[in-house]
Every structure is written in C-alpha cells, then in structure tokens.
Amino acid sequence: MNIDSTLYNGRPADQRSEAEMAIYDKLDELGMDYKRADHDHAETMEDCLVIENVLGAKICKNLFLCNRQKTSFYLLLMPGDKPFKTKFLTSQLNCARLSFAEADKMQELLHTIPGSVSALELIFDTDDNIRLVIDNDLMKEEYICGHPGINTSTVRLLRDDMLRYVREAKHEPTFIDLPIE
C-alpha cells in the first residue's frame, strides 16, 4: 500500500468527491484544526496501522450496524484494536441482535461505501436515522481519526472537536463500555 508520508494541514488542494469536499467544508465552517494523511485504499486494520504512523494517532473502528428488520441503524466507534462482539453492544443498547448494515443503506444514509464510513459522514444523516454509539475507551484518546467519505484519506481531529462536529450534525452520542475480551 502506498502512503504519502506528509501530514497535511486541512483540506486537499485538488478536487475530490462531492461528499469528501462537503466534509472538509463542514470542518472549515466550524473552524476546526485538522490534519490529513493521503494513501491508497486502506482495506484492513493492518493498513490503518501504517497510516497511524503518519497521523501520530490511532484510527478507530467505525461499524455501521442495523437491527434484524433493517429499520434501526447504528454507527459504532471503538478502538481499532478492540474486538467487537455484538452481544455486549445489544445488551447495553437494549435492542435486538445487530448485524452489519448493507452497502446500499450506507450509501443512502451516509453517502459512503463500506471501508470508508466514519462519524464525519453523519452530516449527511439529516433525518436522524442513525444512532451514534461510542465506546468509552475511545474517549481516552487525544485524537479521533476517520475517513472523510472515502478511505484514501484519513482525518485526525482532537477528540473534543470530533464530539463537537457530530453534535453540530445533530447526533448526540450514546456512550457505552465494551469489554476487552
């Protein structure tokens, strides 16, 4: 995987997708200082470890989930090195079994594709279809990183700025405690 070793300040100079540029527009509108790493398509958490070296911060897992009926949607943010077990999440959210949501719903609600989802896309969920869930262990980190609608770039934000960003997007996080097991 090719990774540009430069840590960029702010938005890219070249034109990117409409969704990616909308995310940079929102970050700029909110006056947030953010860093960016550009790289080839990151397919695995192992790829993300290399990107973390450029960012100087850990990349979190961003899981887009739904209930069995596909009527309730959740975006879970958790530490990248923490295993995900749905039973612990469903018990804390008081909901039925959750599974990964389909790609077409991700495109419809968040304007992105699998492997690229992050809390940055919540600006597109204007009808409040998605419940944001954050593992408290992630709140121990100084930064939260996520892809801006495409996984060929990764943005680093201060934790408090990411929380402000999602709240500006009208999404109040639900905080949970997932076990390390």
Protein backbone atom coordinates (compact mmCIF):
# COMPACT_ATOMS: atom_id res chain seq x y z
CA MET A 1 0.00 0.00 0.00
CA ASN A 2 1.32 3.45 -0.92
CA ILE A 3 1.10 6.09 1.79
CA ASP A 4 2.10 9.72 1.40
CA SER A 5 4.34 10.33 4.42
CA THR A 6 3.31 14.00 4.61
CA LEU A 7 0.90 15.03 7.35
CA TYR A 8 -1.20 17.75 5.71
CA ASN A 9 -2.96 20.64 7.43
CA GLY A 10 -6.58 20.96 6.37
CA ARG A 11 -8.32 20.28 3.10
CA PRO A 12 -6.63 18.99 -0.04
CA ALA A 13 -5.73 21.43 -2.83
CA ASP A 14 -7.02 19.10 -5.54
CA GLN A 15 -10.70 18.46 -6.21
CA ARG A 16 -12.12 15.34 -4.58
CA SER A 17 -15.60 13.76 -4.48
CA GLU A 18 -18.58 15.92 -3.60
CA ALA A 19 -19.11 14.07 -0.30
CA GLU A 20 -15.46 14.39 0.73
CA MET A 21 -15.42 18.10 -0.07
CA ALA A 22 -18.67 18.62 1.89
CA ILE A 23 -16.95 17.14 4.96
CA TYR A 24 -13.98 19.49 4.58
CA ASP A 25 -16.41 22.37 4.10
CA LYS A 26 -18.14 21.48 7.39
CA LEU A 27 -14.83 21.17 9.25
CA ASP A 28 -13.73 24.55 7.89
CA GLU A 29 -17.11 26.15 8.65
CA LEU A 30 -16.73 25.03 12.27
CA GLY A 31 -13.21 26.47 12.37
CA MET A 32 -11.65 23.14 13.30
CA ASP A 33 -7.96 22.46 13.00
CA TYR A 34 -7.46 19.04 11.43
CA LYS A 35 -4.65 17.03 9.92
CA ARG A 36 -4.91 14.72 6.93
CA ALA A 37 -3.00 11.73 5.58
CA ASP A 38 -3.45 10.60 1.98
CA HIS A 39 -2.90 6.97 1.00
CA ASP A 40 -4.04 4.14 -1.20
CA HIS A 41 -7.30 2.38 -0.45
CA ALA A 42 -6.99 1.13 3.13
CA GLU A 43 -8.64 -2.28 3.26
CA THR A 44 -7.55 -3.67 6.62
CA MET A 45 -6.80 -2.59 10.14
CA GLU A 46 -3.17 -3.55 9.34
CA ASP A 47 -3.17 -0.89 6.61
CA CYS A 48 -4.53 1.53 9.16
CA LEU A 49 -1.58 0.83 11.49
CA VAL A 50 0.77 2.18 8.84
CA ILE A 51 -1.43 5.26 8.39
CA GLU A 52 -1.43 5.79 12.16
CA ASN A 53 2.33 6.35 11.99
CA VAL A 54 1.80 9.30 9.63
CA LEU A 55 -1.10 10.69 11.66
CA GLY A 56 0.57 10.25 15.04
CA ALA A 57 -2.74 8.91 16.33
CA LYS A 58 -4.74 5.69 16.40
CA ILE A 59 -7.51 5.02 13.90
CA CYS A 60 -10.73 3.76 15.39
CA LYS A 61 -13.13 1.10 14.12
CA ASN A 62 -16.29 2.56 12.61
CA LEU A 63 -19.01 -0.06 12.28
CA PHE A 64 -22.32 0.63 10.52
CA LEU A 65 -24.90 -1.70 12.03
CA CYS A 66 -28.64 -2.37 11.86
CA ASN A 67 -31.30 -4.40 13.59
CA ARG A 68 -32.76 -7.56 12.05
CA GLN A 69 -35.68 -5.65 10.50
CA LYS A 70 -33.27 -3.12 8.97
CA THR A 71 -35.27 -0.27 10.47
CA SER A 72 -32.81 0.99 13.09
CA PHE A 73 -29.24 1.97 12.24
CA TYR A 74 -26.21 2.49 14.46
CA LEU A 75 -22.71 3.85 13.89
CA LEU A 76 -20.34 2.38 16.47
CA LEU A 77 -16.96 4.00 17.12
CA MET A 78 -14.50 1.95 19.14
CA PRO A 79 -10.73 1.48 19.48
CA GLY A 80 -9.28 -0.21 16.41
CA ASP A 81 -7.50 -2.90 18.39
CA LYS A 82 -10.53 -3.88 20.45
CA PRO A 83 -12.53 -6.94 19.38
CA PHE A 84 -16.20 -6.39 18.55
CA LYS A 85 -18.83 -8.73 19.98
CA THR A 86 -22.40 -7.79 19.20
CA LYS A 87 -23.91 -9.37 22.35
CA PHE A 88 -22.24 -6.79 24.59
CA LEU A 89 -23.43 -3.93 22.44
CA THR A 90 -27.04 -5.10 22.14
CA SER A 91 -27.37 -5.60 25.88
CA GLN A 92 -26.16 -2.05 26.59
CA LEU A 93 -28.36 -0.52 23.91
CA ASN A 94 -31.34 -2.60 24.95
CA CYS A 95 -32.01 -3.73 21.40
CA ALA A 96 -32.33 -6.94 19.41
CA ARG A 97 -29.48 -8.62 17.57
CA LEU A 98 -27.42 -6.28 15.42
CA SER A 99 -25.57 -7.08 12.22
CA PHE A 100 -23.65 -5.12 9.61
CA ALA A 101 -25.91 -2.90 7.53
CA GLU A 102 -25.97 -3.29 3.78
CA ALA A 103 -23.85 -1.15 1.48
CA ASP A 104 -26.88 0.45 -0.20
CA LYS A 105 -28.11 1.79 3.16
CA MET A 106 -24.64 3.15 3.91
CA GLN A 107 -24.66 4.93 0.54
CA GLU A 108 -28.20 6.22 1.01
CA LEU A 109 -27.81 7.49 4.58
CA LEU A 110 -24.12 8.41 4.78
CA HIS A 111 -23.06 8.93 1.14
CA THR A 112 -20.17 6.49 1.51
CA ILE A 113 -19.15 2.89 0.90
CA PRO A 114 -18.01 0.02 3.14
CA GLY A 115 -14.49 0.57 4.41
CA SER A 116 -14.89 4.34 4.30
CA VAL A 117 -17.52 5.02 6.96
CA SER A 118 -16.78 7.30 9.91
CA ALA A 119 -18.56 9.80 12.13
CA LEU A 120 -17.61 12.52 9.63
CA GLU A 121 -20.40 11.33 7.30
CA LEU A 122 -23.10 11.99 9.91
CA ILE A 123 -23.61 15.42 8.31
CA PHE A 124 -25.48 13.57 5.56
CA ASP A 125 -27.92 11.90 8.00
CA THR A 126 -30.23 14.92 8.15
CA ASP A 127 -33.28 12.80 9.04
CA ASP A 128 -31.62 11.38 12.17
CA ASN A 129 -31.81 7.75 11.01
CA ILE A 130 -28.56 6.74 12.69
CA ARG A 131 -27.77 6.46 16.38
CA LEU A 132 -24.14 7.27 17.15
CA VAL A 133 -22.60 4.94 19.74
CA ILE A 134 -19.10 5.49 21.13
CA ASP A 135 -17.12 3.11 23.32
CA ASN A 136 -15.80 5.00 26.35
CA ASP A 137 -12.30 3.59 25.79
CA LEU A 138 -12.11 5.75 22.67
CA MET A 139 -12.71 8.83 24.84
CA LYS A 140 -9.33 8.22 26.50
CA GLU A 141 -7.57 9.11 23.23
CA GLU A 142 -6.42 12.66 22.45
CA TYR A 143 -7.47 12.30 18.80
CA ILE A 144 -10.18 10.52 16.85
CA CYS A 145 -9.40 9.71 13.23
CA GLY A 146 -11.76 8.84 10.43
CA HIS A 147 -12.08 8.70 6.68
CA PRO A 148 -13.76 11.74 5.07
CA GLY A 149 -16.24 9.77 2.96
CA ILE A 150 -13.52 7.81 1.14
CA ASN A 151 -10.80 5.61 2.53
CA THR A 152 -7.95 7.11 0.52
CA SER A 153 -7.61 9.89 3.10
CA THR A 154 -7.79 9.90 6.87
CA VAL A 155 -8.52 12.95 9.00
CA ARG A 156 -7.22 13.49 12.56
CA LEU A 157 -9.31 15.62 14.90
CA LEU A 158 -8.98 16.37 18.58
CA ARG A 159 -11.44 14.18 20.48
CA ASP A 160 -13.42 17.20 21.68
CA ASP A 161 -13.58 18.62 18.15
CA MET A 162 -14.97 15.32 16.84
CA LEU A 163 -17.62 15.40 19.55
CA ARG A 164 -18.47 18.99 18.62
CA TYR A 165 -18.62 18.02 14.94
CA VAL A 166 -21.12 15.18 15.49
CA ARG A 167 -23.23 17.32 17.78
CA GLU A 168 -23.29 20.06 15.12
CA ALA A 169 -24.54 17.32 12.79
CA LYS A 170 -27.41 16.83 15.28
CA HIS A 171 -26.15 13.48 16.65
CA GLU A 172 -25.80 13.18 20.40
CA PRO A 173 -23.54 10.19 21.13
CA THR A 174 -24.56 7.31 23.34
CA PHE A 175 -21.53 6.22 25.36
CA ILE A 176 -21.08 2.56 26.24
CA ASP A 177 -18.46 0.26 27.78
CA LEU A 178 -17.48 -2.69 25.61
CA PRO A 179 -15.31 -5.34 27.26
CA ILE A 180 -11.83 -6.12 26.03
CA GLU A 181 -12.45 -9.91 25.94
